[in-house]
């Protein structure tokens, strides 16, 4: 699954990636 693939990233990278995705979602909403 995608979550398993992202699990390879470092915690900081995961947090940064999640923040970028959330920002895009808020802009699209």
N, C-alpha and C. Protein backbone atom coordinates (compact mmCIF):
# COMPACT_ATOMS: atom_id res chain seq x y z
N UNK A 1 0.83 -1.21 0.00
CA UNK A 1 0.00 0.00 0.00
C UNK A 1 0.86 1.26 0.00
N UNK A 2 0.24 2.38 -0.27
CA UNK A 2 0.97 3.64 -0.30
C UNK A 2 1.53 3.97 1.08
N UNK A 3 0.73 3.73 2.12
CA UNK A 3 1.18 4.04 3.49
C UNK A 3 2.45 3.26 3.81
N UNK A 4 2.51 2.01 3.38
CA UNK A 4 3.70 1.20 3.65
C UNK A 4 4.91 1.78 2.94
N UNK A 5 4.71 2.27 1.72
CA UNK A 5 5.81 2.86 0.96
C UNK A 5 6.30 4.14 1.65
N UNK A 6 5.36 4.99 2.08
CA UNK A 6 5.74 6.24 2.74
C UNK A 6 6.36 5.96 4.10
N UNK A 7 6.09 4.77 4.67
CA UNK A 7 6.66 4.41 5.97
C UNK A 7 8.18 4.39 5.94
N UNK A 8 8.75 4.32 4.73
CA UNK A 8 10.22 4.31 4.62
C UNK A 8 10.82 5.67 4.88
N UNK A 9 10.01 6.73 4.72
CA UNK A 9 10.53 8.08 4.92
C UNK A 9 10.77 8.36 6.40
N UNK A 10 11.59 9.34 6.67
CA UNK A 10 11.84 9.73 8.06
C UNK A 10 10.62 10.45 8.59
N UNK A 11 10.42 10.42 9.92
CA UNK A 11 9.26 11.10 10.54
C UNK A 11 9.13 12.55 10.07
N UNK A 12 10.24 13.26 9.99
CA UNK A 12 10.18 14.67 9.57
C UNK A 12 9.69 14.76 8.14
N UNK A 13 10.16 13.85 7.28
CA UNK A 13 9.74 13.88 5.88
C UNK A 13 8.25 13.57 5.78
N UNK A 14 7.78 12.63 6.61
CA UNK A 14 6.36 12.27 6.58
C UNK A 14 5.52 13.46 7.02
N UNK A 15 5.98 14.16 8.04
CA UNK A 15 5.24 15.32 8.55
C UNK A 15 5.20 16.41 7.49
N UNK A 16 6.34 16.63 6.83
CA UNK A 16 6.40 17.67 5.80
C UNK A 16 5.51 17.30 4.63
N UNK A 17 5.54 16.03 4.23
CA UNK A 17 4.72 15.59 3.11
C UNK A 17 3.24 15.73 3.45
N UNK A 18 2.87 15.35 4.66
CA UNK A 18 1.47 15.45 5.08
C UNK A 18 1.03 16.91 5.09
N UNK A 19 1.91 17.79 5.54
CA UNK A 19 1.58 19.22 5.60
C UNK A 19 1.34 19.76 4.20
N UNK A 20 2.20 19.35 3.24
CA UNK A 20 2.04 19.83 1.86
C UNK A 20 0.73 19.33 1.27
N UNK A 21 0.39 18.07 1.55
CA UNK A 21 -0.85 17.51 1.02
C UNK A 21 -2.05 18.23 1.63
N UNK A 22 -2.00 18.46 2.95
CA UNK A 22 -3.10 19.14 3.62
C UNK A 22 -3.27 20.54 3.05
N UNK A 23 -2.17 21.22 2.78
CA UNK A 23 -2.25 22.57 2.21
C UNK A 23 -2.95 22.53 0.86
N UNK A 24 -2.61 21.54 0.05
CA UNK A 24 -3.24 21.42 -1.27
C UNK A 24 -4.73 21.14 -1.12
N UNK A 25 -5.08 20.31 -0.15
CA UNK A 25 -6.49 19.97 0.06
C UNK A 25 -7.27 21.21 0.49
N UNK A 26 -6.68 22.00 1.40
CA UNK A 26 -7.36 23.20 1.87
C UNK A 26 -7.57 24.18 0.72
N UNK A 27 -6.55 24.31 -0.15
CA UNK A 27 -6.66 25.23 -1.28
C UNK A 27 -7.73 24.75 -2.26
N UNK A 28 -7.84 23.43 -2.42
CA UNK A 28 -8.81 22.88 -3.37
C UNK A 28 -10.22 22.94 -2.79
N UNK A 29 -10.34 22.89 -1.46
CA UNK A 29 -11.67 22.87 -0.83
C UNK A 29 -12.38 24.21 -0.99
